[in-house]
Amino acid sequence: MTEQNGKTRRIVLRAGLGMAAAGAAGLATTRPARAQKIAKSAVMYQDTPKDGHQCDACTNWQPPNACSIVEGTISPKGWCGAFAPKS
């Protein structure tokens, strides 16, 4: 083996180790993604029921006053366009 091959091999190994270290550092700083909630105005939220539908009868309802997909404080008697009845 010639000296040139030895240098080339060292350069490739160092580059590979550097990339592996950078990848590991990137994984260590990655945070799990959090779902973004939708603004009340985007789903036409109102504090009163509509057509007999209200938030506490929706699959997205989270007692006592929250929703899994709409941001902010939610009235149990409210309604929005994302209403999905519990089955």
C-alpha atoms as a PDB file:
ATOM      1  CA  MET A   1       0.000   0.000   0.000  1.00  0.00           C
ATOM      2  CA  THR A   2       1.324   3.420  -0.863  1.00  0.00           C
ATOM      3  CA  GLU A   3       1.432   6.462   1.398  1.00  0.00           C
ATOM      4  CA  GLN A   4      -1.117   8.209  -0.842  1.00  0.00           C
ATOM      5  CA  ASN A   5      -3.683   5.465  -0.228  1.00  0.00           C
ATOM      6  CA  GLY A   6      -3.125   5.754   3.536  1.00  0.00           C
ATOM      7  CA  LYS A   7      -3.752   9.521   3.478  1.00  0.00           C
ATOM      8  CA  THR A   8      -6.859   9.122   1.360  1.00  0.00           C
ATOM      9  CA  ARG A   9      -8.219   6.450   3.673  1.00  0.00           C
ATOM     10  CA  ARG A  10      -7.626   8.676   6.736  1.00  0.00           C
ATOM     11  CA  ILE A  11      -9.369  11.603   5.063  1.00  0.00           C
ATOM     12  CA  VAL A  12     -12.391   9.455   4.213  1.00  0.00           C
ATOM     13  CA  LEU A  13     -12.538   8.006   7.745  1.00  0.00           C
ATOM     14  CA  ARG A  14     -12.299  11.444   9.365  1.00  0.00           C
ATOM     15  CA  ALA A  15     -15.012  12.809   7.099  1.00  0.00           C
ATOM     16  CA  GLY A  16     -17.234   9.840   7.901  1.00  0.00           C
ATOM     17  CA  LEU A  17     -16.699  10.208  11.639  1.00  0.00           C
ATOM     18  CA  GLY A  18     -17.398  13.927  11.406  1.00  0.00           C
ATOM     19  CA  MET A  19     -20.663  13.324   9.578  1.00  0.00           C
ATOM     20  CA  ALA A  20     -21.687  10.645  12.106  1.00  0.00           C
ATOM     21  CA  ALA A  21     -20.988  13.011  15.009  1.00  0.00           C
ATOM     22  CA  ALA A  22     -22.939  15.806  13.349  1.00  0.00           C
ATOM     23  CA  GLY A  23     -25.873  13.462  12.755  1.00  0.00           C
ATOM     24  CA  ALA A  24     -25.856  12.307  16.376  1.00  0.00           C
ATOM     25  CA  ALA A  25     -25.791  15.906  17.584  1.00  0.00           C
ATOM     26  CA  GLY A  26     -28.713  16.716  15.318  1.00  0.00           C
ATOM     27  CA  LEU A  27     -30.762  13.832  16.698  1.00  0.00           C
ATOM     28  CA  ALA A  28     -30.021  14.865  20.264  1.00  0.00           C
ATOM     29  CA  THR A  29     -31.472  18.341  19.697  1.00  0.00           C
ATOM     30  CA  THR A  30     -34.561  17.228  17.759  1.00  0.00           C
ATOM     31  CA  ARG A  31     -37.770  17.752  19.690  1.00  0.00           C
ATOM     32  CA  PRO A  32     -40.955  15.781  19.110  1.00  0.00           C
ATOM     33  CA  ALA A  33     -43.419  17.676  16.952  1.00  0.00           C
ATOM     34  CA  ARG A  34     -46.438  19.147  18.704  1.00  0.00           C
ATOM     35  CA  ALA A  35     -49.685  19.528  16.921  1.00  0.00           C
ATOM     36  CA  GLN A  36     -50.756  23.115  16.425  1.00  0.00           C
ATOM     37  CA  LYS A  37     -54.272  23.982  17.504  1.00  0.00           C
ATOM     38  CA  ILE A  38     -56.592  25.932  15.223  1.00  0.00           C
ATOM     39  CA  ALA A  39     -57.661  29.503  16.012  1.00  0.00           C
ATOM     40  CA  LYS A  40     -61.276  29.906  17.115  1.00  0.00           C
ATOM     41  CA  SER A  41     -61.938  32.329  14.286  1.00  0.00           C
ATOM     42  CA  ALA A  42     -60.779  29.790  11.676  1.00  0.00           C
ATOM     43  CA  VAL A  43     -63.477  27.312  12.752  1.00  0.00           C
ATOM     44  CA  MET A  44     -66.231  29.897  13.402  1.00  0.00           C
ATOM     45  CA  TYR A  45     -66.303  29.127  17.145  1.00  0.00           C
ATOM     46  CA  GLN A  46     -69.243  30.506  19.101  1.00  0.00           C
ATOM     47  CA  ASP A  47     -70.122  30.181  22.812  1.00  0.00           C
ATOM     48  CA  THR A  48     -73.632  28.892  22.042  1.00  0.00           C
ATOM     49  CA  PRO A  49     -74.898  25.652  20.467  1.00  0.00           C
ATOM     50  CA  LYS A  50     -75.848  25.454  16.794  1.00  0.00           C
ATOM     51  CA  ASP A  51     -78.544  23.192  15.377  1.00  0.00           C
ATOM     52  CA  GLY A  52     -78.536  21.137  18.577  1.00  0.00           C
ATOM     53  CA  HIS A  53     -74.776  20.530  18.437  1.00  0.00           C
ATOM     54  CA  GLN A  54     -72.473  21.639  21.242  1.00  0.00           C
ATOM     55  CA  CYS A  55     -68.860  21.110  22.233  1.00  0.00           C
ATOM     56  CA  ASP A  56     -69.408  18.656  25.097  1.00  0.00           C
ATOM     57  CA  ALA A  57     -71.005  16.251  22.597  1.00  0.00           C
ATOM     58  CA  CYS A  58     -67.981  16.426  20.236  1.00  0.00           C
ATOM     59  CA  THR A  59     -65.179  13.835  19.960  1.00  0.00           C
ATOM     60  CA  ASN A  60     -62.621  16.638  20.329  1.00  0.00           C
ATOM     61  CA  TRP A  61     -64.019  17.872  23.674  1.00  0.00           C
ATOM     62  CA  GLN A  62     -61.626  17.831  26.652  1.00  0.00           C
ATOM     63  CA  PRO A  63     -63.373  18.561  29.965  1.00  0.00           C
ATOM     64  CA  PRO A  64     -63.720  20.900  31.694  1.00  0.00           C
ATOM     65  CA  ASN A  65     -63.181  23.630  29.054  1.00  0.00           C
ATOM     66  CA  ALA A  66     -60.797  22.634  26.258  1.00  0.00           C
ATOM     67  CA  CYS A  67     -60.682  21.109  22.796  1.00  0.00           C
ATOM     68  CA  SER A  68     -58.024  18.856  21.285  1.00  0.00           C
ATOM     69  CA  ILE A  69     -57.951  20.860  18.036  1.00  0.00           C
ATOM     70  CA  VAL A  70     -59.184  24.401  18.828  1.00  0.00           C
ATOM     71  CA  GLU A  71     -57.041  26.766  20.912  1.00  0.00           C
ATOM     72  CA  GLY A  72     -58.143  28.626  24.007  1.00  0.00           C
ATOM     73  CA  THR A  73     -60.896  28.189  26.557  1.00  0.00           C
ATOM     74  CA  ILE A  74     -63.916  26.410  25.126  1.00  0.00           C
ATOM     75  CA  SER A  75     -67.463  26.505  26.503  1.00  0.00           C
ATOM     76  CA  PRO A  76     -69.094  23.087  26.897  1.00  0.00           C
ATOM     77  CA  LYS A  77     -72.196  24.645  25.324  1.00  0.00           C
ATOM     78  CA  GLY A  78     -70.226  26.214  22.455  1.00  0.00           C
ATOM     79  CA  TRP A  79     -69.994  25.078  18.836  1.00  0.00           C
ATOM     80  CA  CYS A  80     -67.565  25.319  15.901  1.00  0.00           C
ATOM     81  CA  GLY A  81     -67.248  24.176  12.319  1.00  0.00           C
ATOM     82  CA  ALA A  82     -64.979  21.289  13.373  1.00  0.00           C
ATOM     83  CA  PHE A  83     -67.789  19.674  15.379  1.00  0.00           C
ATOM     84  CA  ALA A  84     -67.705  15.874  15.125  1.00  0.00           C
ATOM     85  CA  PRO A  85     -70.375  14.049  17.124  1.00  0.00           C
ATOM     86  CA  LYS A  86     -69.319  11.357  19.579  1.00  0.00           C
ATOM     87  CA  SER A  87     -70.329   7.935  18.385  1.00  0.00           C
END
